[in-house]
Amino acid sequence: MPKEVVVIGLLALAGFLAGGVYTTWKTAKLLAIILLVLLLVAVGGAVLWLV
């Protein structure tokens, strides 16, 4: 599998998680923080995969 496909998948996952953070922030802050951490892991993984 080309590495660009993995990077695009991780960035798509990060976008999905960002939407979850935005949606849950007003109602469930703990869940939003957990999603934010997962978002940062996905973006970091995408960056590291490119390097």
PDB file of N, CA and C in Angstrom:
ATOM      1  N   MET A   1       0.855  -1.180   0.000  1.00  0.00           N
ATOM      2  CA  MET A   1       0.000   0.000   0.000  1.00  0.00           C
ATOM      3  C   MET A   1       0.899   1.241   0.000  1.00  0.00           C
ATOM      4  N   PRO A   2       0.666   2.157  -0.923  1.00  0.00           N
ATOM      5  CA  PRO A   2       1.482   3.379  -0.949  1.00  0.00           C
ATOM      6  C   PRO A   2       1.303   4.190   0.331  1.00  0.00           C
ATOM      7  N   LYS A   3       2.387   4.858   0.743  1.00  0.00           N
ATOM      8  CA  LYS A   3       2.310   5.574   2.014  1.00  0.00           C
ATOM      9  C   LYS A   3       1.363   6.765   1.950  1.00  0.00           C
ATOM     10  N   GLU A   4       1.093   7.275   0.766  1.00  0.00           N
ATOM     11  CA  GLU A   4       0.160   8.391   0.653  1.00  0.00           C
ATOM     12  C   GLU A   4      -1.259   7.977   1.037  1.00  0.00           C
ATOM     13  N   VAL A   5      -1.618   6.736   0.763  1.00  0.00           N
ATOM     14  CA  VAL A   5      -2.951   6.248   1.094  1.00  0.00           C
ATOM     15  C   VAL A   5      -3.124   6.202   2.610  1.00  0.00           C
ATOM     16  N   VAL A   6      -2.085   5.765   3.306  1.00  0.00           N
ATOM     17  CA  VAL A   6      -2.145   5.700   4.764  1.00  0.00           C
ATOM     18  C   VAL A   6      -2.251   7.110   5.348  1.00  0.00           C
ATOM     19  N   VAL A   7      -1.484   8.039   4.801  1.00  0.00           N
ATOM     20  CA  VAL A   7      -1.507   9.424   5.290  1.00  0.00           C
ATOM     21  C   VAL A   7      -2.881  10.039   5.072  1.00  0.00           C
ATOM     22  N   ILE A   8      -3.457   9.816   3.912  1.00  0.00           N
ATOM     23  CA  ILE A   8      -4.790  10.358   3.618  1.00  0.00           C
ATOM     24  C   ILE A   8      -5.821   9.736   4.558  1.00  0.00           C
ATOM     25  N   GLY A   9      -5.690   8.442   4.819  1.00  0.00           N
ATOM     26  CA  GLY A   9      -6.606   7.786   5.751  1.00  0.00           C
ATOM     27  C   GLY A   9      -6.500   8.354   7.160  1.00  0.00           C
ATOM     28  N   LEU A  10      -5.271   8.585   7.615  1.00  0.00           N
ATOM     29  CA  LEU A  10      -5.082   9.156   8.952  1.00  0.00           C
ATOM     30  C   LEU A  10      -5.611  10.583   9.025  1.00  0.00           C
ATOM     31  N   LEU A  11      -5.422  11.348   7.979  1.00  0.00           N
ATOM     32  CA  LEU A  11      -5.942  12.711   7.973  1.00  0.00           C
ATOM     33  C   LEU A  11      -7.473  12.721   7.903  1.00  0.00           C
ATOM     34  N   ALA A  12      -8.047  11.773   7.187  1.00  0.00           N
ATOM     35  CA  ALA A  12      -9.510  11.657   7.159  1.00  0.00           C
ATOM     36  C   ALA A  12     -10.035  11.285   8.539  1.00  0.00           C
ATOM     37  N   LEU A  13      -9.345  10.373   9.212  1.00  0.00           N
ATOM     38  CA  LEU A  13      -9.717  10.020  10.580  1.00  0.00           C
ATOM     39  C   LEU A  13      -9.605  11.231  11.501  1.00  0.00           C
ATOM     40  N   ALA A  14      -8.550  12.020  11.310  1.00  0.00           N
ATOM     41  CA  ALA A  14      -8.380  13.229  12.122  1.00  0.00           C
ATOM     42  C   ALA A  14      -9.525  14.211  11.886  1.00  0.00           C
ATOM     43  N   GLY A  15      -9.961  14.346  10.664  1.00  0.00           N
ATOM     44  CA  GLY A  15     -11.090  15.222  10.363  1.00  0.00           C
ATOM     45  C   GLY A  15     -12.372  14.732  11.012  1.00  0.00           C
ATOM     46  N   PHE A  16     -12.579  13.431  10.979  1.00  0.00           N
ATOM     47  CA  PHE A  16     -13.748  12.841  11.631  1.00  0.00           C
ATOM     48  C   PHE A  16     -13.703  13.095  13.137  1.00  0.00           C
ATOM     49  N   LEU A  17     -12.525  12.913  13.733  1.00  0.00           N
ATOM     50  CA  LEU A  17     -12.379  13.152  15.164  1.00  0.00           C
ATOM     51  C   LEU A  17     -12.547  14.632  15.495  1.00  0.00           C
ATOM     52  N   ALA A  18     -12.082  15.516  14.624  1.00  0.00           N
ATOM     53  CA  ALA A  18     -12.256  16.953  14.858  1.00  0.00           C
ATOM     54  C   ALA A  18     -13.742  17.309  14.879  1.00  0.00           C
ATOM     55  N   GLY A  19     -14.506  16.710  14.006  1.00  0.00           N
ATOM     56  CA  GLY A  19     -15.952  16.921  14.023  1.00  0.00           C
ATOM     57  C   GLY A  19     -16.577  16.417  15.310  1.00  0.00           C
ATOM     58  N   GLY A  20     -16.082  15.297  15.802  1.00  0.00           N
ATOM     59  CA  GLY A  20     -16.574  14.774  17.070  1.00  0.00           C
ATOM     60  C   GLY A  20     -16.249  15.687  18.238  1.00  0.00           C
ATOM     61  N   VAL A  21     -15.045  16.257  18.221  1.00  0.00           N
ATOM     62  CA  VAL A  21     -14.664  17.198  19.276  1.00  0.00           C
ATOM     63  C   VAL A  21     -15.581  18.413  19.237  1.00  0.00           C
ATOM     64  N   TYR A  22     -15.800  18.950  18.066  1.00  0.00           N
ATOM     65  CA  TYR A  22     -16.643  20.139  17.908  1.00  0.00           C
ATOM     66  C   TYR A  22     -18.081  19.858  18.366  1.00  0.00           C
ATOM     67  N   THR A  23     -18.568  18.677  18.026  1.00  0.00           N
ATOM     68  CA  THR A  23     -19.951  18.338  18.349  1.00  0.00           C
ATOM     69  C   THR A  23     -20.154  18.090  19.840  1.00  0.00           C
ATOM     70  N   THR A  24     -19.202  17.418  20.470  1.00  0.00           N
ATOM     71  CA  THR A  24     -19.405  17.012  21.858  1.00  0.00           C
ATOM     72  C   THR A  24     -18.892  18.020  22.875  1.00  0.00           C
ATOM     73  N   TRP A  25     -18.248  19.084  22.453  1.00  0.00           N
ATOM     74  CA  TRP A  25     -17.614  20.003  23.399  1.00  0.00           C
ATOM     75  C   TRP A  25     -18.606  20.615  24.393  1.00  0.00           C
ATOM     76  N   LYS A  26     -19.800  20.994  23.929  1.00  0.00           N
ATOM     77  CA  LYS A  26     -20.760  21.657  24.821  1.00  0.00           C
ATOM     78  C   LYS A  26     -21.450  20.693  25.782  1.00  0.00           C
ATOM     79  N   THR A  27     -21.549  19.430  25.427  1.00  0.00           N
ATOM     80  CA  THR A  27     -22.306  18.503  26.256  1.00  0.00           C
ATOM     81  C   THR A  27     -21.423  17.582  27.087  1.00  0.00           C
ATOM     82  N   ALA A  28     -20.333  17.089  26.521  1.00  0.00           N
ATOM     83  CA  ALA A  28     -19.505  16.098  27.221  1.00  0.00           C
ATOM     84  C   ALA A  28     -18.035  16.475  27.045  1.00  0.00           C
ATOM     85  N   LYS A  29     -17.545  17.330  27.915  1.00  0.00           N
ATOM     86  CA  LYS A  29     -16.177  17.842  27.770  1.00  0.00           C
ATOM     87  C   LYS A  29     -15.123  16.748  27.921  1.00  0.00           C
ATOM     88  N   LEU A  30     -15.344  15.775  28.808  1.00  0.00           N
ATOM     89  CA  LEU A  30     -14.363  14.708  28.979  1.00  0.00           C
ATOM     90  C   LEU A  30     -14.231  13.885  27.699  1.00  0.00           C
ATOM     91  N   LEU A  31     -15.344  13.536  27.094  1.00  0.00           N
ATOM     92  CA  LEU A  31     -15.315  12.797  25.833  1.00  0.00           C
ATOM     93  C   LEU A  31     -14.657  13.630  24.743  1.00  0.00           C
ATOM     94  N   ALA A  32     -14.912  14.923  24.722  1.00  0.00           N
ATOM     95  CA  ALA A  32     -14.305  15.797  23.723  1.00  0.00           C
ATOM     96  C   ALA A  32     -12.788  15.844  23.908  1.00  0.00           C
ATOM     97  N   ILE A  33     -12.321  15.846  25.140  1.00  0.00           N
ATOM     98  CA  ILE A  33     -10.880  15.867  25.389  1.00  0.00           C
ATOM     99  C   ILE A  33     -10.244  14.556  24.944  1.00  0.00           C
ATOM    100  N   ILE A  34     -10.925  13.443  25.196  1.00  0.00           N
ATOM    101  CA  ILE A  34     -10.421  12.146  24.739  1.00  0.00           C
ATOM    102  C   ILE A  34     -10.336  12.113  23.219  1.00  0.00           C
ATOM    103  N   LEU A  35     -11.367  12.618  22.557  1.00  0.00           N
ATOM    104  CA  LEU A  35     -11.353  12.677  21.096  1.00  0.00           C
ATOM    105  C   LEU A  35     -10.254  13.598  20.591  1.00  0.00           C
ATOM    106  N   LEU A  36      -9.990  14.680  21.318  1.00  0.00           N
ATOM    107  CA  LEU A  36      -8.930  15.600  20.931  1.00  0.00           C
ATOM    108  C   LEU A  36      -7.562  14.924  21.016  1.00  0.00           C
ATOM    109  N   VAL A  37      -7.354  14.134  22.044  1.00  0.00           N
ATOM    110  CA  VAL A  37      -6.093  13.402  22.169  1.00  0.00           C
ATOM    111  C   VAL A  37      -5.944  12.418  21.015  1.00  0.00           C
ATOM    112  N   LEU A  38      -7.019  11.709  20.689  1.00  0.00           N
ATOM    113  CA  LEU A  38      -6.975  10.790  19.554  1.00  0.00           C
ATOM    114  C   LEU A  38      -6.736  11.529  18.238  1.00  0.00           C
ATOM    115  N   LEU A  39      -7.301  12.709  18.118  1.00  0.00           N
ATOM    116  CA  LEU A  39      -7.080  13.548  16.944  1.00  0.00           C
ATOM    117  C   LEU A  39      -5.604  13.897  16.810  1.00  0.00           C
ATOM    118  N   LEU A  40      -4.985  14.296  17.904  1.00  0.00           N
ATOM    119  CA  LEU A  40      -3.568  14.655  17.874  1.00  0.00           C
ATOM    120  C   LEU A  40      -2.693  13.443  17.554  1.00  0.00           C
ATOM    121  N   VAL A  41      -3.065  12.281  18.046  1.00  0.00           N
ATOM    122  CA  VAL A  41      -2.320  11.061  17.728  1.00  0.00           C
ATOM    123  C   VAL A  41      -2.431  10.746  16.239  1.00  0.00           C
ATOM    124  N   ALA A  42      -3.610  10.901  15.666  1.00  0.00           N
ATOM    125  CA  ALA A  42      -3.805  10.623  14.238  1.00  0.00           C
ATOM    126  C   ALA A  42      -3.006  11.589  13.376  1.00  0.00           C
ATOM    127  N   VAL A  43      -3.022  12.870  13.728  1.00  0.00           N
ATOM    128  CA  VAL A  43      -2.264  13.854  12.951  1.00  0.00           C
ATOM    129  C   VAL A  43      -0.760  13.601  13.110  1.00  0.00           C
ATOM    130  N   GLY A  44      -0.336  13.319  14.338  1.00  0.00           N
ATOM    131  CA  GLY A  44       1.077  13.010  14.558  1.00  0.00           C
ATOM    132  C   GLY A  44       1.507  11.775  13.797  1.00  0.00           C
ATOM    133  N   GLY A  45       0.660  10.759  13.763  1.00  0.00           N
ATOM    134  CA  GLY A  45       0.967   9.562  12.998  1.00  0.00           C
ATOM    135  C   GLY A  45       1.069   9.837  11.509  1.00  0.00           C
ATOM    136  N   ALA A  46       0.203  10.684  10.998  1.00  0.00           N
ATOM    137  CA  ALA A  46       0.265  11.046   9.576  1.00  0.00           C
ATOM    138  C   ALA A  46       1.557  11.782   9.254  1.00  0.00           C
ATOM    139  N   VAL A  47       1.947  12.697  10.120  1.00  0.00           N
ATOM    140  CA  VAL A  47       3.185  13.456   9.893  1.00  0.00           C
ATOM    141  C   VAL A  47       4.385  12.538   9.967  1.00  0.00           C
ATOM    142  N   LEU A  48       4.423  11.674  10.979  1.00  0.00           N
ATOM    143  CA  LEU A  48       5.546  10.741  11.105  1.00  0.00           C
ATOM    144  C   LEU A  48       5.601   9.743   9.950  1.00  0.00           C
ATOM    145  N   TRP A  49       4.445   9.358   9.446  1.00  0.00           N
ATOM    146  CA  TRP A  49       4.413   8.413   8.332  1.00  0.00           C
ATOM    147  C   TRP A  49       5.002   9.062   7.084  1.00  0.00           C
ATOM    148  N   LEU A  50       4.780  10.363   6.905  1.00  0.00           N
ATOM    149  CA  LEU A  50       5.337  11.058   5.747  1.00  0.00           C
ATOM    150  C   LEU A  50       6.847  11.207   5.839  1.00  0.00           C
ATOM    151  N   VAL A  51       7.345  11.373   7.069  1.00  0.00           N
ATOM    152  CA  VAL A  51       8.783  11.558   7.260  1.00  0.00           C
ATOM    153  C   VAL A  51       9.451  10.225   7.145  1.00  0.00           C
TER     154      VAL A  51
END
